[in-house]
Amino acid sequence: MGRYYNGDIEGKFWFGVQPSNSASRFSADAECEPSYIEYYFDEDHMQEVKDELKRIEDVLADNLQKIEDFFAERNGYADSELTEAGIKDWMLREYADYKLGKQIEECVEREGQCQFSAEI
């Protein structure tokens, strides 16, 4: 069982890695409902989204490409595979948020806004 986000973008939060409020780090307008967080991004948020994506890129540095390559070869992963690849838990958390941030950025660039609900 997982937690999903739906709306202008869709996906599944990474189990045991990514909290439901991950999109908050990209400076969204957000409202919390009993079992959902409603997020709204538009062009006014784009600088903050881009700044946070850049911060994550800087934190991950060369590890970003290593993680991209790792996941290009598989749909899932085992902890032992991450360890063997040299991917630490903190890197995985940053990468999961990076992927969400890229979805938000691409949606706003394409649609002018991005609105979605995140299960809590």
PDB file of N, CA and C in Angstrom:
ATOM      1  N   MET A   1       0.845  -1.170   0.000  1.00  0.00           N
ATOM      2  CA  MET A   1       0.000   0.000   0.000  1.00  0.00           C
ATOM      3  C   MET A   1       0.889   1.231   0.000  1.00  0.00           C
ATOM      4  N   GLY A   2       0.549   2.197  -0.806  1.00  0.00           N
ATOM      5  CA  GLY A   2       1.361   3.392  -0.912  1.00  0.00           C
ATOM      6  C   GLY A   2       0.525   4.646  -0.831  1.00  0.00           C
ATOM      7  N   ARG A   3       1.210   5.758  -0.820  1.00  0.00           N
ATOM      8  CA  ARG A   3       0.575   7.067  -0.829  1.00  0.00           C
ATOM      9  C   ARG A   3       0.837   7.692  -2.188  1.00  0.00           C
ATOM     10  N   TYR A   4      -0.208   8.248  -2.761  1.00  0.00           N
ATOM     11  CA  TYR A   4      -0.133   8.781  -4.115  1.00  0.00           C
ATOM     12  C   TYR A   4      -0.401  10.279  -4.120  1.00  0.00           C
ATOM     13  N   TYR A   5      -0.015  10.914  -5.225  1.00  0.00           N
ATOM     14  CA  TYR A   5      -0.445  12.283  -5.496  1.00  0.00           C
ATOM     15  C   TYR A   5      -1.071  12.297  -6.882  1.00  0.00           C
ATOM     16  N   ASN A   6      -2.178  13.048  -7.001  1.00  0.00           N
ATOM     17  CA  ASN A   6      -2.965  13.084  -8.234  1.00  0.00           C
ATOM     18  C   ASN A   6      -3.378  14.504  -8.545  1.00  0.00           C
ATOM     19  N   GLY A   7      -3.509  14.787  -9.814  1.00  0.00           N
ATOM     20  CA  GLY A   7      -3.955  16.097 -10.280  1.00  0.00           C
ATOM     21  C   GLY A   7      -3.267  16.392 -11.589  1.00  0.00           C
ATOM     22  N   ASP A   8      -2.697  17.576 -11.712  1.00  0.00           N
ATOM     23  CA  ASP A   8      -1.966  17.928 -12.922  1.00  0.00           C
ATOM     24  C   ASP A   8      -0.725  17.050 -13.104  1.00  0.00           C
ATOM     25  N   ILE A   9      -0.179  16.561 -12.007  1.00  0.00           N
ATOM     26  CA  ILE A   9       0.884  15.553 -12.051  1.00  0.00           C
ATOM     27  C   ILE A   9       0.433  14.390 -11.191  1.00  0.00           C
ATOM     28  N   GLU A  10       0.968  13.227 -11.458  1.00  0.00           N
ATOM     29  CA  GLU A  10       0.590  12.035 -10.699  1.00  0.00           C
ATOM     30  C   GLU A  10       1.819  11.219 -10.383  1.00  0.00           C
ATOM     31  N   GLY A  11       1.761  10.526  -9.283  1.00  0.00           N
ATOM     32  CA  GLY A  11       2.861   9.644  -8.919  1.00  0.00           C
ATOM     33  C   GLY A  11       2.615   9.023  -7.568  1.00  0.00           C
ATOM     34  N   LYS A  12       3.612   8.294  -7.121  1.00  0.00           N
ATOM     35  CA  LYS A  12       3.546   7.605  -5.837  1.00  0.00           C
ATOM     36  C   LYS A  12       4.740   8.053  -5.010  1.00  0.00           C
ATOM     37  N   PHE A  13       4.482   8.430  -3.767  1.00  0.00           N
ATOM     38  CA  PHE A  13       5.570   8.790  -2.874  1.00  0.00           C
ATOM     39  C   PHE A  13       6.404   7.551  -2.590  1.00  0.00           C
ATOM     40  N   TRP A  14       7.697   7.727  -2.463  1.00  0.00           N
ATOM     41  CA  TRP A  14       8.613   6.619  -2.237  1.00  0.00           C
ATOM     42  C   TRP A  14       8.404   6.099  -0.823  1.00  0.00           C
ATOM     43  N   PHE A  15       8.046   4.843  -0.702  1.00  0.00           N
ATOM     44  CA  PHE A  15       7.749   4.213   0.579  1.00  0.00           C
ATOM     45  C   PHE A  15       8.964   4.257   1.504  1.00  0.00           C
ATOM     46  N   GLY A  16       8.741   4.732   2.706  1.00  0.00           N
ATOM     47  CA  GLY A  16       9.791   4.774   3.708  1.00  0.00           C
ATOM     48  C   GLY A  16      10.885   5.789   3.429  1.00  0.00           C
ATOM     49  N   VAL A  17      10.725   6.600   2.374  1.00  0.00           N
ATOM     50  CA  VAL A  17      11.758   7.550   1.980  1.00  0.00           C
ATOM     51  C   VAL A  17      11.213   8.967   1.940  1.00  0.00           C
ATOM     52  N   GLN A  18      10.007   9.116   1.392  1.00  0.00           N
ATOM     53  CA  GLN A  18       9.497  10.444   1.050  1.00  0.00           C
ATOM     54  C   GLN A  18       8.180  10.725   1.764  1.00  0.00           C
ATOM     55  N   PRO A  19       8.120  11.794   2.560  1.00  0.00           N
ATOM     56  CA  PRO A  19       6.869  12.136   3.228  1.00  0.00           C
ATOM     57  C   PRO A  19       5.863  12.793   2.283  1.00  0.00           C
ATOM     58  N   SER A  20       4.620  12.812   2.690  1.00  0.00           N
ATOM     59  CA  SER A  20       3.548  13.387   1.872  1.00  0.00           C
ATOM     60  C   SER A  20       3.703  14.885   1.657  1.00  0.00           C
ATOM     61  N   ASN A  21       4.415  15.551   2.524  1.00  0.00           N
ATOM     62  CA  ASN A  21       4.576  17.004   2.385  1.00  0.00           C
ATOM     63  C   ASN A  21       5.858  17.384   1.643  1.00  0.00           C
ATOM     64  N   SER A  22       6.413  16.475   0.867  1.00  0.00           N
ATOM     65  CA  SER A  22       7.657  16.746   0.139  1.00  0.00           C
ATOM     66  C   SER A  22       7.557  17.955  -0.784  1.00  0.00           C
ATOM     67  N   ALA A  23       6.411  18.170  -1.396  1.00  0.00           N
ATOM     68  CA  ALA A  23       6.270  19.287  -2.330  1.00  0.00           C
ATOM     69  C   ALA A  23       6.387  20.636  -1.619  1.00  0.00           C
ATOM     70  N   SER A  24       6.220  20.663  -0.319  1.00  0.00           N
ATOM     71  CA  SER A  24       6.324  21.921   0.429  1.00  0.00           C
ATOM     72  C   SER A  24       7.707  22.544   0.317  1.00  0.00           C
ATOM     73  N   ARG A  25       8.726  21.734   0.102  1.00  0.00           N
ATOM     74  CA  ARG A  25      10.077  22.279   0.000  1.00  0.00           C
ATOM     75  C   ARG A  25      10.251  23.117  -1.254  1.00  0.00           C
ATOM     76  N   PHE A  26       9.306  23.043  -2.200  1.00  0.00           N
ATOM     77  CA  PHE A  26       9.365  23.824  -3.421  1.00  0.00           C
ATOM     78  C   PHE A  26       8.497  25.081  -3.342  1.00  0.00           C
ATOM     79  N   SER A  27       8.080  25.480  -2.141  1.00  0.00           N
ATOM     80  CA  SER A  27       7.380  26.744  -1.866  1.00  0.00           C
ATOM     81  C   SER A  27       5.993  26.838  -2.492  1.00  0.00           C
ATOM     82  N   ALA A  28       5.196  25.815  -2.327  1.00  0.00           N
ATOM     83  CA  ALA A  28       3.838  25.803  -2.877  1.00  0.00           C
ATOM     84  C   ALA A  28       2.885  26.560  -1.976  1.00  0.00           C
ATOM     85  N   ASP A  29       1.746  26.927  -2.563  1.00  0.00           N
ATOM     86  CA  ASP A  29       0.602  27.296  -1.757  1.00  0.00           C
ATOM     87  C   ASP A  29      -0.060  25.964  -1.413  1.00  0.00           C
ATOM     88  N   ALA A  30      -0.256  25.689  -0.143  1.00  0.00           N
ATOM     89  CA  ALA A  30      -0.769  24.377   0.255  1.00  0.00           C
ATOM     90  C   ALA A  30      -1.840  24.526   1.312  1.00  0.00           C
ATOM     91  N   GLU A  31      -2.834  23.657   1.232  1.00  0.00           N
ATOM     92  CA  GLU A  31      -3.878  23.563   2.240  1.00  0.00           C
ATOM     93  C   GLU A  31      -3.976  22.111   2.657  1.00  0.00           C
ATOM     94  N   CYS A  32      -4.197  21.882   3.919  1.00  0.00           N
ATOM     95  CA  CYS A  32      -4.271  20.525   4.429  1.00  0.00           C
ATOM     96  C   CYS A  32      -5.725  20.152   4.704  1.00  0.00           C
ATOM     97  N   GLU A  33      -6.171  19.098   4.092  1.00  0.00           N
ATOM     98  CA  GLU A  33      -7.487  18.518   4.335  1.00  0.00           C
ATOM     99  C   GLU A  33      -7.287  17.343   5.292  1.00  0.00           C
ATOM    100  N   PRO A  34      -8.357  16.729   5.766  1.00  0.00           N
ATOM    101  CA  PRO A  34      -8.178  15.632   6.729  1.00  0.00           C
ATOM    102  C   PRO A  34      -7.223  14.523   6.267  1.00  0.00           C
ATOM    103  N   SER A  35      -7.242  14.137   5.013  1.00  0.00           N
ATOM    104  CA  SER A  35      -6.337  13.070   4.583  1.00  0.00           C
ATOM    105  C   SER A  35      -5.565  13.415   3.316  1.00  0.00           C
ATOM    106  N   TYR A  36      -5.545  14.696   2.958  1.00  0.00           N
ATOM    107  CA  TYR A  36      -4.823  15.149   1.775  1.00  0.00           C
ATOM    108  C   TYR A  36      -4.161  16.496   2.027  1.00  0.00           C
ATOM    109  N   ILE A  37      -3.095  16.764   1.299  1.00  0.00           N
ATOM    110  CA  ILE A  37      -2.534  18.104   1.217  1.00  0.00           C
ATOM    111  C   ILE A  37      -2.781  18.559  -0.215  1.00  0.00           C
ATOM    112  N   GLU A  38      -3.422  19.701  -0.368  1.00  0.00           N
ATOM    113  CA  GLU A  38      -3.708  20.254  -1.689  1.00  0.00           C
ATOM    114  C   GLU A  38      -2.602  21.240  -2.044  1.00  0.00           C
ATOM    115  N   TYR A  39      -1.902  20.986  -3.139  1.00  0.00           N
ATOM    116  CA  TYR A  39      -0.802  21.841  -3.567  1.00  0.00           C
ATOM    117  C   TYR A  39      -1.180  22.625  -4.817  1.00  0.00           C
ATOM    118  N   TYR A  40      -0.681  23.847  -4.876  1.00  0.00           N
ATOM    119  CA  TYR A  40      -0.882  24.681  -6.057  1.00  0.00           C
ATOM    120  C   TYR A  40       0.407  25.435  -6.344  1.00  0.00           C
ATOM    121  N   PHE A  41       0.925  25.281  -7.551  1.00  0.00           N
ATOM    122  CA  PHE A  41       2.094  26.007  -8.034  1.00  0.00           C
ATOM    123  C   PHE A  41       1.701  26.743  -9.303  1.00  0.00           C
ATOM    124  N   ASP A  42       2.273  27.916  -9.501  1.00  0.00           N
ATOM    125  CA  ASP A  42       2.106  28.609 -10.778  1.00  0.00           C
ATOM    126  C   ASP A  42       3.432  29.297 -11.102  1.00  0.00           C
ATOM    127  N   GLU A  43       3.416  30.143 -12.099  1.00  0.00           N
ATOM    128  CA  GLU A  43       4.653  30.782 -12.545  1.00  0.00           C
ATOM    129  C   GLU A  43       5.302  31.626 -11.450  1.00  0.00           C
ATOM    130  N   ASP A  44       4.508  32.127 -10.499  1.00  0.00           N
ATOM    131  CA  ASP A  44       5.065  32.895  -9.383  1.00  0.00           C
ATOM    132  C   ASP A  44       5.963  32.035  -8.490  1.00  0.00           C
ATOM    133  N   HIS A  45       5.792  30.722  -8.533  1.00  0.00           N
ATOM    134  CA  HIS A  45       6.576  29.807  -7.702  1.00  0.00           C
ATOM    135  C   HIS A  45       7.820  29.274  -8.411  1.00  0.00           C
ATOM    136  N   MET A  46       7.943  29.554  -9.706  1.00  0.00           N
ATOM    137  CA  MET A  46       8.990  28.904 -10.494  1.00  0.00           C
ATOM    138  C   MET A  46      10.405  29.199 -10.021  1.00  0.00           C
ATOM    139  N   GLN A  47      10.676  30.406  -9.568  1.00  0.00           N
ATOM    140  CA  GLN A  47      12.040  30.680  -9.116  1.00  0.00           C
ATOM    141  C   GLN A  47      12.380  29.830  -7.898  1.00  0.00           C
ATOM    142  N   GLU A  48      11.430  29.698  -6.965  1.00  0.00           N
ATOM    143  CA  GLU A  48      11.680  28.869  -5.785  1.00  0.00           C
ATOM    144  C   GLU A  48      11.839  27.404  -6.156  1.00  0.00           C
ATOM    145  N   VAL A  49      11.036  26.931  -7.105  1.00  0.00           N
ATOM    146  CA  VAL A  49      11.149  25.540  -7.567  1.00  0.00           C
ATOM    147  C   VAL A  49      12.531  25.330  -8.171  1.00  0.00           C
ATOM    148  N   LYS A  50      12.936  26.216  -9.067  1.00  0.00           N
ATOM    149  CA  LYS A  50      14.246  26.096  -9.722  1.00  0.00           C
ATOM    150  C   LYS A  50      15.390  26.216  -8.703  1.00  0.00           C
ATOM    151  N   ASP A  51      15.257  27.101  -7.737  1.00  0.00           N
ATOM    152  CA  ASP A  51      16.288  27.251  -6.707  1.00  0.00           C
ATOM    153  C   ASP A  51      16.422  25.972  -5.882  1.00  0.00           C
ATOM    154  N   GLU A  52      15.301  25.364  -5.521  1.00  0.00           N
ATOM    155  CA  GLU A  52      15.351  24.139  -4.713  1.00  0.00           C
ATOM    156  C   GLU A  52      15.900  22.975  -5.532  1.00  0.00           C
ATOM    157  N   LEU A  53      15.522  22.892  -6.799  1.00  0.00           N
ATOM    158  CA  LEU A  53      16.092  21.850  -7.660  1.00  0.00           C
ATOM    159  C   LEU A  53      17.608  22.019  -7.771  1.00  0.00           C
ATOM    160  N   LYS A  54      18.070  23.240  -7.922  1.00  0.00           N
ATOM    161  CA  LYS A  54      19.507  23.513  -8.002  1.00  0.00           C
ATOM    162  C   LYS A  54      20.200  23.142  -6.697  1.00  0.00           C
ATOM    163  N   ARG A  55      19.550  23.452  -5.569  1.00  0.00           N
ATOM    164  CA  ARG A  55      20.132  23.100  -4.275  1.00  0.00           C
ATOM    165  C   ARG A  55      20.295  21.589  -4.163  1.00  0.00           C
ATOM    166  N   ILE A  56      19.266  20.839  -4.580  1.00  0.00           N
ATOM    167  CA  ILE A  56      19.347  19.377  -4.533  1.00  0.00           C
ATOM    168  C   ILE A  56      20.453  18.880  -5.464  1.00  0.00           C
ATOM    169  N   GLU A  57      20.544  19.449  -6.662  1.00  0.00           N
ATOM    170  CA  GLU A  57      21.616  19.071  -7.597  1.00  0.00           C
ATOM    171  C   GLU A  57      22.987  19.313  -6.969  1.00  0.00           C
ATOM    172  N   ASP A  58      23.138  20.445  -6.295  1.00  0.00           N
ATOM    173  CA  ASP A  58      24.420  20.762  -5.649  1.00  0.00           C
ATOM    174  C   ASP A  58      24.729  19.797  -4.503  1.00  0.00           C
ATOM    175  N   VAL A  59      23.710  19.446  -3.726  1.00  0.00           N
ATOM    176  CA  VAL A  59      23.905  18.528  -2.598  1.00  0.00           C
ATOM    177  C   VAL A  59      24.277  17.134  -3.112  1.00  0.00           C
ATOM    178  N   LEU A  60      23.588  16.682  -4.144  1.00  0.00           N
ATOM    179  CA  LEU A  60      23.867  15.346  -4.682  1.00  0.00           C
ATOM    180  C   LEU A  60      25.135  15.320  -5.536  1.00  0.00           C
ATOM    181  N   ALA A  61      25.459  16.442  -6.156  1.00  0.00           N
ATOM    182  CA  ALA A  61      26.663  16.588  -6.996  1.00  0.00           C
ATOM    183  C   ALA A  61      26.783  15.413  -7.968  1.00  0.00           C
ATOM    184  N   ASP A  62      27.940  14.753  -7.979  1.00  0.00           N
ATOM    185  CA  ASP A  62      28.182  13.641  -8.902  1.00  0.00           C
ATOM    186  C   ASP A  62      27.282  12.442  -8.621  1.00  0.00           C
ATOM    187  N   ASN A  63      26.738  12.375  -7.430  1.00  0.00           N
ATOM    188  CA  ASN A  63      25.859  11.260  -7.083  1.00  0.00           C
ATOM    189  C   ASN A  63      24.552  11.292  -7.868  1.00  0.00           C
ATOM    190  N   LEU A  64      24.142  12.469  -8.341  1.00  0.00           N
ATOM    191  CA  LEU A  64      22.897  12.563  -9.102  1.00  0.00           C
ATOM    192  C   LEU A  64      22.960  11.677 -10.338  1.00  0.00           C
ATOM    193  N   GLN A  65      24.036  11.745 -11.085  1.00  0.00           N
ATOM    194  CA  GLN A  65      24.157  10.913 -12.288  1.00  0.00           C
ATOM    195  C   GLN A  65      24.240   9.432 -11.920  1.00  0.00           C
ATOM    196  N   LYS A  66      24.934   9.127 -10.829  1.00  0.00           N
ATOM    197  CA  LYS A  66      25.038   7.737 -10.379  1.00  0.00           C
ATOM    198  C   LYS A  66      23.651   7.176 -10.053  1.00  0.00           C
ATOM    199  N   ILE A  67      22.826   7.970  -9.375  1.00  0.00           N
ATOM    200  CA  ILE A  67      21.476   7.530  -9.012  1.00  0.00           C
ATOM    201  C   ILE A  67      20.603   7.425 -10.260  1.00  0.00           C
ATOM    202  N   GLU A  68      20.704   8.412 -11.157  1.00  0.00           N
ATOM    203  CA  GLU A  68      19.948   8.363 -12.422  1.00  0.00           C
ATOM    204  C   GLU A  68      20.282   7.076 -13.181  1.00  0.00           C
ATOM    205  N   ASP A  69      21.563   6.749 -13.287  1.00  0.00           N
ATOM    206  CA  ASP A  69      21.990   5.543 -13.988  1.00  0.00           C
ATOM    207  C   ASP A  69      21.461   4.289 -13.296  1.00  0.00           C
ATOM    208  N   PHE A  70      21.504   4.288 -11.962  1.00  0.00           N
ATOM    209  CA  PHE A  70      21.019   3.145 -11.190  1.00  0.00           C
ATOM    210  C   PHE A  70      19.551   2.869 -11.502  1.00  0.00           C
ATOM    211  N   PHE A  71      18.720   3.909 -11.490  1.00  0.00           N
ATOM    212  CA  PHE A  71      17.289   3.704 -11.701  1.00  0.00           C
ATOM    213  C   PHE A  71      16.913   3.561 -13.179  1.00  0.00           C
ATOM    214  N   ALA A  72      17.793   3.943 -14.077  1.00  0.00           N
ATOM    215  CA  ALA A  72      17.535   3.746 -15.508  1.00  0.00           C
ATOM    216  C   ALA A  72      17.528   2.254 -15.847  1.00  0.00           C
ATOM    217  N   GLU A  73      18.190   1.460 -15.033  1.00  0.00           N
ATOM    218  CA  GLU A  73      18.325   0.024 -15.280  1.00  0.00           C
ATOM    219  C   GLU A  73      17.288  -0.829 -14.568  1.00  0.00           C
ATOM    220  N   ARG A  74      16.417  -0.235 -13.758  1.00  0.00           N
ATOM    221  CA  ARG A  74      15.479  -1.056 -12.968  1.00  0.00           C
ATOM    222  C   ARG A  74      14.246  -0.259 -12.589  1.00  0.00           C
ATOM    223  N   ASN A  75      13.187  -0.965 -12.226  1.00  0.00           N
ATOM    224  CA  ASN A  75      11.945  -0.353 -11.752  1.00  0.00           C
ATOM    225  C   ASN A  75      11.909  -0.246 -10.234  1.00  0.00           C
ATOM    226  N   GLY A  76      12.535  -1.145  -9.558  1.00  0.00           N
ATOM    227  CA  GLY A  76      12.538  -1.170  -8.103  1.00  0.00           C
ATOM    228  C   GLY A  76      13.958  -1.349  -7.610  1.00  0.00           C
ATOM    229  N   TYR A  77      14.095  -1.593  -6.329  1.00  0.00           N
ATOM    230  CA  TYR A  77      15.423  -1.767  -5.765  1.00  0.00           C
ATOM    231  C   TYR A  77      15.328  -2.479  -4.438  1.00  0.00           C
ATOM    232  N   ALA A  78      16.422  -3.091  -4.047  1.00  0.00           N
ATOM    233  CA  ALA A  78      16.573  -3.682  -2.717  1.00  0.00           C
ATOM    234  C   ALA A  78      17.643  -2.878  -1.990  1.00  0.00           C
ATOM    235  N   ASP A  79      17.547  -2.852  -0.678  1.00  0.00           N
ATOM    236  CA  ASP A  79      18.542  -2.107   0.106  1.00  0.00           C
ATOM    237  C   ASP A  79      19.961  -2.574  -0.203  1.00  0.00           C
ATOM    238  N   SER A  80      20.132  -3.872  -0.417  1.00  0.00           N
ATOM    239  CA  SER A  80      21.468  -4.397  -0.718  1.00  0.00           C
ATOM    240  C   SER A  80      21.998  -3.840  -2.041  1.00  0.00           C
ATOM    241  N   GLU A  81      21.116  -3.629  -3.008  1.00  0.00           N
ATOM    242  CA  GLU A  81      21.531  -3.050  -4.292  1.00  0.00           C
ATOM    243  C   GLU A  81      21.970  -1.601  -4.114  1.00  0.00           C
ATOM    244  N   LEU A  82      21.244  -0.860  -3.275  1.00  0.00           N
ATOM    245  CA  LEU A  82      21.624   0.529  -2.998  1.00  0.00           C
ATOM    246  C   LEU A  82      22.993   0.585  -2.337  1.00  0.00           C
ATOM    247  N   THR A  83      23.200  -0.288  -1.353  1.00  0.00           N
ATOM    248  CA  THR A  83      24.477  -0.332  -0.649  1.00  0.00           C
ATOM    249  C   THR A  83      25.605  -0.655  -1.621  1.00  0.00           C
ATOM    250  N   GLU A  84      25.370  -1.653  -2.468  1.00  0.00           N
ATOM    251  CA  GLU A  84      26.381  -2.052  -3.447  1.00  0.00           C
ATOM    252  C   GLU A  84      26.703  -0.915  -4.418  1.00  0.00           C
ATOM    253  N   ALA A  85      25.682  -0.130  -4.763  1.00  0.00           N
ATOM    254  CA  ALA A  85      25.876   0.994  -5.688  1.00  0.00           C
ATOM    255  C   ALA A  85      26.434   2.233  -4.992  1.00  0.00           C
ATOM    256  N   GLY A  86      26.531   2.200  -3.665  1.00  0.00           N
ATOM    257  CA  GLY A  86      27.052   3.350  -2.922  1.00  0.00           C
ATOM    258  C   GLY A  86      26.043   4.469  -2.742  1.00  0.00           C
ATOM    259  N   ILE A  87      24.751   4.121  -2.809  1.00  0.00           N
ATOM    260  CA  ILE A  87      23.690   5.120  -2.650  1.00  0.00           C
ATOM    261  C   ILE A  87      23.199   5.076  -1.209  1.00  0.00           C
ATOM    262  N   LYS A  88      23.365   6.169  -0.524  1.00  0.00           N
ATOM    263  CA  LYS A  88      22.977   6.280   0.891  1.00  0.00           C
ATOM    264  C   LYS A  88      21.515   6.710   1.017  1.00  0.00           C
ATOM    265  N   ASP A  89      20.937   6.469   2.200  1.00  0.00           N
ATOM    266  CA  ASP A  89      19.532   6.826   2.452  1.00  0.00           C
ATOM    267  C   ASP A  89      19.260   8.300   2.187  1.00  0.00           C
ATOM    268  N   TRP A  90      20.145   9.183   2.646  1.00  0.00           N
ATOM    269  CA  TRP A  90      19.920  10.621   2.467  1.00  0.00           C
ATOM    270  C   TRP A  90      19.908  10.980   0.986  1.00  0.00           C
ATOM    271  N   MET A  91      20.724  10.291   0.180  1.00  0.00           N
ATOM    272  CA  MET A  91      20.751  10.544  -1.263  1.00  0.00           C
ATOM    273  C   MET A  91      19.426  10.144  -1.903  1.00  0.00           C
ATOM    274  N   LEU A  92      18.889   9.029  -1.453  1.00  0.00           N
ATOM    275  CA  LEU A  92      17.619   8.535  -1.992  1.00  0.00           C
ATOM    276  C   LEU A  92      16.488   9.506  -1.683  1.00  0.00           C
ATOM    277  N   ARG A  93      16.473  10.049  -0.452  1.00  0.00           N
ATOM    278  CA  ARG A  93      15.453  11.042  -0.081  1.00  0.00           C
ATOM    279  C   ARG A  93      15.557  12.281  -0.966  1.00  0.00           C
ATOM    280  N   GLU A  94      16.770  12.768  -1.137  1.00  0.00           N
ATOM    281  CA  GLU A  94      16.974  13.947  -1.988  1.00  0.00           C
ATOM    282  C   GLU A  94      16.544  13.651  -3.426  1.00  0.00           C
ATOM    283  N   TYR A  95      16.890  12.494  -3.927  1.00  0.00           N
ATOM    284  CA  TYR A  95      16.556  12.127  -5.305  1.00  0.00           C
ATOM    285  C   TYR A  95      15.046  12.000  -5.499  1.00  0.00           C
ATOM    286  N   ALA A  96      14.358  11.395  -4.536  1.00  0.00           N
ATOM    287  CA  ALA A  96      12.901  11.267  -4.631  1.00  0.00           C
ATOM    288  C   ALA A  96      12.254  12.646  -4.710  1.00  0.00           C
ATOM    289  N   ASP A  97      12.707  13.578  -3.883  1.00  0.00           N
ATOM    290  CA  ASP A  97      12.174  14.941  -3.923  1.00  0.00           C
ATOM    291  C   ASP A  97      12.565  15.645  -5.219  1.00  0.00           C
ATOM    292  N   TYR A  98      13.758  15.377  -5.713  1.00  0.00           N
ATOM    293  CA  TYR A  98      14.208  15.959  -6.971  1.00  0.00           C
ATOM    294  C   TYR A  98      13.283  15.546  -8.111  1.00  0.00           C
ATOM    295  N   LYS A  99      12.925  14.277  -8.168  1.00  0.00           N
ATOM    296  CA  LYS A  99      12.027  13.789  -9.218  1.00  0.00           C
ATOM    297  C   LYS A  99      10.661  14.464  -9.122  1.00  0.00           C
ATOM    298  N   LEU A 100      10.145  14.627  -7.896  1.00  0.00           N
ATOM    299  CA  LEU A 100       8.876  15.325  -7.699  1.00  0.00           C
ATOM    300  C   LEU A 100       8.997  16.783  -8.145  1.00  0.00           C
ATOM    301  N   GLY A 101      10.070  17.437  -7.761  1.00  0.00           N
ATOM    302  CA  GLY A 101      10.291  18.829  -8.154  1.00  0.00           C
ATOM    303  C   GLY A 101      10.369  19.001  -9.659  1.00  0.00           C
ATOM    304  N   LYS A 102      11.014  18.059 -10.343  1.00  0.00           N
ATOM    305  CA  LYS A 102      11.093  18.122 -11.806  1.00  0.00           C
ATOM    306  C   LYS A 102       9.708  17.971 -12.431  1.00  0.00           C
ATOM    307  N   GLN A 103       8.860  17.106 -11.853  1.00  0.00           N
ATOM    308  CA  GLN A 103       7.488  16.979 -12.348  1.00  0.00           C
ATOM    309  C   GLN A 103       6.741  18.302 -12.201  1.00  0.00           C
ATOM    310  N   ILE A 104       6.893  18.941 -11.052  1.00  0.00           N
ATOM    311  CA  ILE A 104       6.237  20.219 -10.799  1.00  0.00           C
ATOM    312  C   ILE A 104       6.734  21.264 -11.804  1.00  0.00           C
ATOM    313  N   GLU A 105       8.048  21.370 -11.958  1.00  0.00           N
ATOM    314  CA  GLU A 105       8.639  22.337 -12.881  1.00  0.00           C
ATOM    315  C   GLU A 105       8.113  22.132 -14.307  1.00  0.00           C
ATOM    316  N   GLU A 106       8.149  20.902 -14.788  1.00  0.00           N
ATOM    317  CA  GLU A 106       7.704  20.608 -16.154  1.00  0.00           C
ATOM    318  C   GLU A 106       6.224  20.900 -16.340  1.00  0.00           C
ATOM    319  N   CYS A 107       5.410  20.610 -15.332  1.00  0.00           N
ATOM    320  CA  CYS A 107       3.970  20.865 -15.410  1.00  0.00           C
ATOM    321  C   CYS A 107       3.700  22.369 -15.496  1.00  0.00           C
ATOM    322  N   VAL A 108       4.349  23.162 -14.655  1.00  0.00           N
ATOM    323  CA  VAL A 108       4.134  24.616 -14.682  1.00  0.00           C
ATOM    324  C   VAL A 108       4.619  25.192 -16.012  1.00  0.00           C
ATOM    325  N   GLU A 109       5.752  24.715 -16.504  1.00  0.00           N
ATOM    326  CA  GLU A 109       6.247  25.203 -17.793  1.00  0.00           C
ATOM    327  C   GLU A 109       5.280  24.863 -18.931  1.00  0.00           C
ATOM    328  N   ARG A 110       4.663  23.702 -18.866  1.00  0.00           N
ATOM    329  CA  ARG A 110       3.760  23.240 -19.912  1.00  0.00           C
ATOM    330  C   ARG A 110       2.363  23.844 -19.789  1.00  0.00           C
ATOM    331  N   GLU A 111       1.829  23.904 -18.551  1.00  0.00           N
ATOM    332  CA  GLU A 111       0.438  24.287 -18.318  1.00  0.00           C
ATOM    333  C   GLU A 111       0.250  25.674 -17.711  1.00  0.00           C
ATOM    334  N   GLY A 112       1.321  26.244 -17.167  1.00  0.00           N
ATOM    335  CA  GLY A 112       1.211  27.530 -16.501  1.00  0.00           C
ATOM    336  C   GLY A 112       0.861  27.407 -15.029  1.00  0.00           C
ATOM    337  N   GLN A 113       0.525  26.209 -14.612  1.00  0.00           N
ATOM    338  CA  GLN A 113       0.217  25.935 -13.205  1.00  0.00           C
ATOM    339  C   GLN A 113       0.328  24.435 -12.954  1.00  0.00           C
ATOM    340  N   CYS A 114       0.342  24.069 -11.714  1.00  0.00           N
ATOM    341  CA  CYS A 114       0.384  22.659 -11.328  1.00  0.00           C
ATOM    342  C   CYS A 114      -0.363  22.519 -10.011  1.00  0.00           C
ATOM    343  N   GLN A 115      -1.411  21.763 -10.038  1.00  0.00           N
ATOM    344  CA  GLN A 115      -2.235  21.564  -8.857  1.00  0.00           C
ATOM    345  C   GLN A 115      -2.410  20.064  -8.646  1.00  0.00           C
ATOM    346  N   PHE A 116      -2.216  19.614  -7.392  1.00  0.00           N
ATOM    347  CA  PHE A 116      -2.394  18.198  -7.114  1.00  0.00           C
ATOM    348  C   PHE A 116      -2.681  17.974  -5.636  1.00  0.00           C
ATOM    349  N   SER A 117      -3.251  16.809  -5.358  1.00  0.00           N
ATOM    350  CA  SER A 117      -3.568  16.380  -3.991  1.00  0.00           C
ATOM    351  C   SER A 117      -2.586  15.284  -3.602  1.00  0.00           C
ATOM    352  N   ALA A 118      -2.057  15.390  -2.396  1.00  0.00           N
ATOM    353  CA  ALA A 118      -1.124  14.384  -1.876  1.00  0.00           C
ATOM    354  C   ALA A 118      -1.776  13.671  -0.705  1.00  0.00           C
ATOM    355  N   GLU A 119      -1.849  12.340  -0.794  1.00  0.00           N
ATOM    356  CA  GLU A 119      -2.389  11.563   0.324  1.00  0.00           C
ATOM    357  C   GLU A 119      -1.477  11.683   1.528  1.00  0.00           C
ATOM    358  N   ILE A 120      -2.095  11.797   2.694  1.00  0.00           N
ATOM    359  CA  ILE A 120      -1.321  11.843   3.940  1.00  0.00           C
ATOM    360  C   ILE A 120      -1.230  10.446   4.506  1.00  0.00           C
TER     361      ILE A 120
END
